């Protein structure tokens, strides 16, 4: 399971000309960051709202709307990073949220 992995690099491109990366000590922390990015976007779009709700399908739409998003997860045994696609990121977030419930 990717949720138990350690060093993870989050690469996010909102458009062709805008990209950033962040490094995390745990994959779950990187997944939390993706969720926070979406929540920040919701706050920007609804500045007057004091309470905003969403579900996993809304979060998945946000991920799909990004030009690109990739998690590079360290496989310590192999000494290599494995890249996770948008679909993989969505699966990991779903598994992460289920573990939180």
N, C-alpha and C. Protein backbone atom coordinates (compact mmCIF):
# COMPACT_ATOMS: atom_id res chain seq x y z
N UNK A 1 0.83 -1.19 0.00
CA UNK A 1 0.00 0.00 0.00
C UNK A 1 0.88 1.25 0.00
N UNK A 2 0.49 2.22 -0.80
CA UNK A 2 1.25 3.46 -0.87
C UNK A 2 1.08 4.30 0.39
N UNK A 3 0.01 4.06 1.14
CA UNK A 3 -0.25 4.85 2.34
C UNK A 3 0.83 4.66 3.40
N UNK A 4 1.53 3.55 3.36
CA UNK A 4 2.56 3.26 4.36
C UNK A 4 3.96 3.66 3.91
N UNK A 5 4.05 4.32 2.79
CA UNK A 5 5.37 4.69 2.26
C UNK A 5 5.89 5.95 2.94
N UNK A 6 7.18 6.17 2.80
CA UNK A 6 7.79 7.32 3.44
C UNK A 6 7.96 8.48 2.47
N UNK A 7 9.15 8.77 2.07
CA UNK A 7 9.43 9.99 1.30
C UNK A 7 8.60 10.07 0.03
N UNK A 8 7.90 11.18 -0.12
CA UNK A 8 7.01 11.39 -1.27
C UNK A 8 7.17 12.81 -1.78
N UNK A 9 7.23 12.94 -3.09
CA UNK A 9 7.30 14.25 -3.74
C UNK A 9 5.97 14.47 -4.46
N UNK A 10 5.33 15.60 -4.18
CA UNK A 10 4.07 15.97 -4.82
C UNK A 10 4.38 17.00 -5.90
N UNK A 11 4.03 16.67 -7.14
CA UNK A 11 4.21 17.59 -8.28
C UNK A 11 2.83 18.01 -8.74
N UNK A 12 2.58 19.32 -8.80
CA UNK A 12 1.27 19.84 -9.20
C UNK A 12 1.46 20.89 -10.28
N UNK A 13 0.71 20.75 -11.38
CA UNK A 13 0.67 21.75 -12.44
C UNK A 13 -0.78 22.14 -12.65
N UNK A 14 -1.10 23.38 -12.29
CA UNK A 14 -2.47 23.85 -12.51
C UNK A 14 -2.69 24.19 -13.98
N UNK A 15 -1.61 24.55 -14.67
CA UNK A 15 -1.66 24.85 -16.11
C UNK A 15 -0.31 24.49 -16.70
N UNK A 16 -0.19 24.65 -18.00
CA UNK A 16 1.09 24.36 -18.66
C UNK A 16 2.23 25.21 -18.11
N UNK A 17 1.90 26.44 -17.71
CA UNK A 17 2.94 27.38 -17.30
C UNK A 17 3.11 27.50 -15.79
N UNK A 18 2.34 26.74 -15.03
CA UNK A 18 2.40 26.85 -13.57
C UNK A 18 2.57 25.48 -12.95
N UNK A 19 3.71 25.28 -12.29
CA UNK A 19 3.91 23.99 -11.62
C UNK A 19 4.72 24.21 -10.35
N UNK A 20 4.54 23.29 -9.41
CA UNK A 20 5.27 23.36 -8.16
C UNK A 20 5.49 21.95 -7.64
N UNK A 21 6.39 21.84 -6.71
CA UNK A 21 6.59 20.54 -6.07
C UNK A 21 6.84 20.76 -4.59
N UNK A 22 6.48 19.76 -3.80
CA UNK A 22 6.72 19.76 -2.37
C UNK A 22 7.16 18.36 -1.97
N UNK A 23 8.03 18.30 -0.97
CA UNK A 23 8.50 17.02 -0.46
C UNK A 23 7.90 16.75 0.91
N UNK A 24 7.56 15.49 1.16
CA UNK A 24 6.94 15.08 2.41
C UNK A 24 7.64 13.83 2.94
N UNK A 25 7.63 13.66 4.26
CA UNK A 25 8.23 12.48 4.87
C UNK A 25 7.32 11.27 4.84
N UNK A 26 6.02 11.51 4.57
CA UNK A 26 5.06 10.41 4.50
C UNK A 26 4.10 10.66 3.34
N UNK A 27 3.68 9.59 2.70
CA UNK A 27 2.71 9.71 1.61
C UNK A 27 1.40 10.29 2.11
N UNK A 28 0.98 9.91 3.30
CA UNK A 28 -0.29 10.42 3.83
C UNK A 28 -0.26 11.94 3.99
N UNK A 29 0.89 12.50 4.34
CA UNK A 29 1.01 13.95 4.47
C UNK A 29 0.87 14.62 3.10
N UNK A 30 1.41 13.99 2.06
CA UNK A 30 1.26 14.51 0.70
C UNK A 30 -0.21 14.47 0.27
N UNK A 31 -0.91 13.39 0.62
CA UNK A 31 -2.33 13.29 0.29
C UNK A 31 -3.14 14.35 1.03
N UNK A 32 -2.80 14.60 2.28
CA UNK A 32 -3.46 15.67 3.03
C UNK A 32 -3.26 17.01 2.34
N UNK A 33 -2.07 17.22 1.76
CA UNK A 33 -1.78 18.47 1.06
C UNK A 33 -2.66 18.62 -0.18
N UNK A 34 -2.88 17.54 -0.91
CA UNK A 34 -3.76 17.60 -2.08
C UNK A 34 -5.17 18.02 -1.65
N UNK A 35 -5.64 17.44 -0.56
CA UNK A 35 -6.96 17.79 -0.04
C UNK A 35 -6.99 19.27 0.36
N UNK A 36 -5.94 19.74 1.02
CA UNK A 36 -5.86 21.15 1.42
C UNK A 36 -5.86 22.08 0.21
N UNK A 37 -5.18 21.68 -0.86
CA UNK A 37 -5.20 22.49 -2.09
C UNK A 37 -6.62 22.68 -2.59
N UNK A 38 -7.39 21.60 -2.56
CA UNK A 38 -8.79 21.68 -3.00
C UNK A 38 -9.59 22.57 -2.05
N UNK A 39 -9.40 22.41 -0.77
CA UNK A 39 -10.13 23.22 0.20
C UNK A 39 -9.78 24.70 0.07
N UNK A 40 -8.53 25.01 -0.23
CA UNK A 40 -8.12 26.40 -0.47
C UNK A 40 -8.82 26.96 -1.70
N UNK A 41 -8.91 26.13 -2.74
CA UNK A 41 -9.59 26.54 -3.97
C UNK A 41 -11.07 26.84 -3.68
N UNK A 42 -11.70 25.97 -2.89
CA UNK A 42 -13.11 26.19 -2.51
C UNK A 42 -13.29 27.50 -1.76
N UNK A 43 -12.37 27.80 -0.85
CA UNK A 43 -12.45 29.05 -0.09
C UNK A 43 -12.28 30.26 -0.99
N UNK A 44 -11.39 30.15 -1.98
CA UNK A 44 -11.20 31.25 -2.94
C UNK A 44 -12.46 31.46 -3.77
N UNK A 45 -13.12 30.38 -4.14
CA UNK A 45 -14.32 30.47 -4.97
C UNK A 45 -15.55 30.89 -4.18
N UNK A 46 -15.54 30.68 -2.86
CA UNK A 46 -16.68 30.99 -2.00
C UNK A 46 -16.21 31.77 -0.77
N UNK A 47 -15.68 32.99 -0.98
CA UNK A 47 -15.07 33.72 0.14
C UNK A 47 -16.06 34.08 1.26
N UNK A 48 -17.34 34.18 0.95
CA UNK A 48 -18.32 34.57 1.96
C UNK A 48 -18.84 33.39 2.77
N UNK A 49 -18.59 32.18 2.29
CA UNK A 49 -19.14 30.99 2.96
C UNK A 49 -18.35 30.68 4.23
N UNK A 50 -19.06 30.43 5.31
CA UNK A 50 -18.40 30.09 6.56
C UNK A 50 -18.21 28.58 6.69
N UNK A 51 -19.00 27.82 5.94
CA UNK A 51 -18.92 26.37 6.00
C UNK A 51 -19.13 25.82 4.58
N UNK A 52 -18.16 25.06 4.10
CA UNK A 52 -18.24 24.49 2.75
C UNK A 52 -18.14 22.97 2.87
N UNK A 53 -19.05 22.28 2.22
CA UNK A 53 -19.00 20.82 2.23
C UNK A 53 -18.73 20.32 0.82
N UNK A 54 -18.13 19.14 0.75
CA UNK A 54 -17.86 18.50 -0.54
C UNK A 54 -17.76 17.02 -0.31
N UNK A 55 -17.77 16.26 -1.41
CA UNK A 55 -17.59 14.82 -1.29
C UNK A 55 -16.45 14.38 -2.20
N UNK A 56 -16.19 13.10 -2.20
CA UNK A 56 -15.04 12.57 -2.94
C UNK A 56 -15.15 12.84 -4.44
N UNK A 57 -16.36 12.86 -4.98
CA UNK A 57 -16.51 13.13 -6.41
C UNK A 57 -16.09 14.56 -6.74
N UNK A 58 -16.37 15.53 -5.84
CA UNK A 58 -15.92 16.90 -6.05
C UNK A 58 -14.40 16.99 -6.01
N UNK A 59 -13.80 16.28 -5.07
CA UNK A 59 -12.35 16.27 -4.95
C UNK A 59 -11.72 15.63 -6.19
N UNK A 60 -12.32 14.56 -6.69
CA UNK A 60 -11.82 13.91 -7.90
C UNK A 60 -11.94 14.83 -9.11
N UNK A 61 -13.01 15.60 -9.20
CA UNK A 61 -13.16 16.57 -10.31
C UNK A 61 -12.06 17.62 -10.25
N UNK A 62 -11.73 18.06 -9.04
CA UNK A 62 -10.64 19.02 -8.88
C UNK A 62 -9.32 18.42 -9.39
N UNK A 63 -9.04 17.19 -8.98
CA UNK A 63 -7.81 16.53 -9.43
C UNK A 63 -7.79 16.40 -10.95
N UNK A 64 -8.93 16.02 -11.53
CA UNK A 64 -9.02 15.91 -12.99
C UNK A 64 -8.84 17.25 -13.69
N UNK A 65 -9.23 18.34 -13.01
CA UNK A 65 -9.13 19.67 -13.63
C UNK A 65 -7.69 20.19 -13.67
N UNK A 66 -6.81 19.62 -12.87
CA UNK A 66 -5.42 20.04 -12.88
C UNK A 66 -4.75 19.61 -14.17
N UNK A 67 -3.84 20.42 -14.66
CA UNK A 67 -3.11 20.06 -15.87
C UNK A 67 -2.36 18.76 -15.63
N UNK A 68 -1.73 18.66 -14.44
CA UNK A 68 -1.05 17.42 -14.07
C UNK A 68 -0.87 17.38 -12.56
N UNK A 69 -0.90 16.19 -12.03
CA UNK A 69 -0.58 15.95 -10.62
C UNK A 69 0.04 14.56 -10.55
N UNK A 70 1.16 14.48 -9.85
CA UNK A 70 1.88 13.22 -9.73
C UNK A 70 2.44 13.12 -8.32
N UNK A 71 2.38 11.94 -7.78
CA UNK A 71 3.09 11.65 -6.54
C UNK A 71 4.27 10.75 -6.90
N UNK A 72 5.44 11.13 -6.48
CA UNK A 72 6.62 10.30 -6.64
C UNK A 72 6.89 9.69 -5.27
N UNK A 73 6.65 8.38 -5.15
CA UNK A 73 6.72 7.69 -3.87
C UNK A 73 7.97 6.81 -3.83
N UNK A 74 8.75 6.99 -2.78
CA UNK A 74 10.00 6.24 -2.65
C UNK A 74 9.72 4.78 -2.29
N UNK A 75 10.28 3.88 -3.09
CA UNK A 75 10.29 2.46 -2.76
C UNK A 75 11.66 2.22 -2.14
N UNK A 76 11.68 2.14 -0.82
CA UNK A 76 12.97 2.06 -0.11
C UNK A 76 13.75 0.80 -0.45
N UNK A 77 13.06 -0.31 -0.66
CA UNK A 77 13.78 -1.56 -0.99
C UNK A 77 14.49 -1.46 -2.32
N UNK A 78 13.82 -0.88 -3.31
CA UNK A 78 14.41 -0.77 -4.64
C UNK A 78 15.30 0.47 -4.76
N UNK A 79 15.11 1.45 -3.87
CA UNK A 79 15.89 2.68 -3.94
C UNK A 79 15.47 3.56 -5.09
N UNK A 80 14.20 3.44 -5.51
CA UNK A 80 13.68 4.20 -6.65
C UNK A 80 12.37 4.87 -6.28
N UNK A 81 12.04 5.91 -7.03
CA UNK A 81 10.74 6.54 -6.87
C UNK A 81 9.78 5.98 -7.90
N UNK A 82 8.55 5.74 -7.47
CA UNK A 82 7.50 5.29 -8.39
C UNK A 82 6.51 6.43 -8.57
N UNK A 83 6.21 6.76 -9.82
CA UNK A 83 5.28 7.83 -10.13
C UNK A 83 3.84 7.32 -10.13
N UNK A 84 2.97 8.05 -9.44
CA UNK A 84 1.55 7.70 -9.40
C UNK A 84 0.77 8.69 -10.27
N UNK A 85 -0.07 8.16 -11.13
CA UNK A 85 -0.88 8.97 -12.03
C UNK A 85 -2.04 9.63 -11.29
N UNK A 86 -2.80 10.46 -12.01
CA UNK A 86 -4.00 11.07 -11.42
C UNK A 86 -4.93 10.00 -10.87
N UNK A 87 -5.15 8.95 -11.64
CA UNK A 87 -6.06 7.88 -11.20
C UNK A 87 -5.53 7.23 -9.92
N UNK A 88 -4.22 7.01 -9.85
CA UNK A 88 -3.62 6.43 -8.65
C UNK A 88 -3.75 7.37 -7.46
N UNK A 89 -3.55 8.66 -7.70
CA UNK A 89 -3.68 9.65 -6.62
C UNK A 89 -5.10 9.62 -6.07
N UNK A 90 -6.08 9.55 -6.95
CA UNK A 90 -7.48 9.51 -6.51
C UNK A 90 -7.77 8.25 -5.69
N UNK A 91 -7.23 7.12 -6.12
CA UNK A 91 -7.41 5.87 -5.37
C UNK A 91 -6.76 5.97 -3.99
N UNK A 92 -5.57 6.54 -3.93
CA UNK A 92 -4.87 6.68 -2.65
C UNK A 92 -5.63 7.61 -1.71
N UNK A 93 -6.17 8.70 -2.24
CA UNK A 93 -6.93 9.63 -1.40
C UNK A 93 -8.17 8.94 -0.85
N UNK A 94 -8.85 8.19 -1.69
CA UNK A 94 -10.04 7.46 -1.23
C UNK A 94 -9.67 6.48 -0.12
N UNK A 95 -8.61 5.73 -0.30
CA UNK A 95 -8.17 4.78 0.73
C UNK A 95 -7.76 5.52 2.01
N UNK A 96 -7.08 6.65 1.85
CA UNK A 96 -6.67 7.45 2.99
C UNK A 96 -7.87 7.95 3.78
N UNK A 97 -8.88 8.48 3.07
CA UNK A 97 -10.07 9.00 3.74
C UNK A 97 -10.85 7.88 4.41
N UNK A 98 -10.90 6.72 3.79
CA UNK A 98 -11.59 5.59 4.41
C UNK A 98 -10.90 5.18 5.71
N UNK A 99 -9.57 5.24 5.71
CA UNK A 99 -8.82 4.91 6.93
C UNK A 99 -9.03 5.94 8.03
N UNK A 100 -9.33 7.19 7.64
CA UNK A 100 -9.57 8.25 8.61
C UNK A 100 -10.94 8.15 9.26
N UNK A 101 -11.90 7.55 8.54
CA UNK A 101 -13.28 7.51 9.04
C UNK A 101 -13.46 6.55 10.19
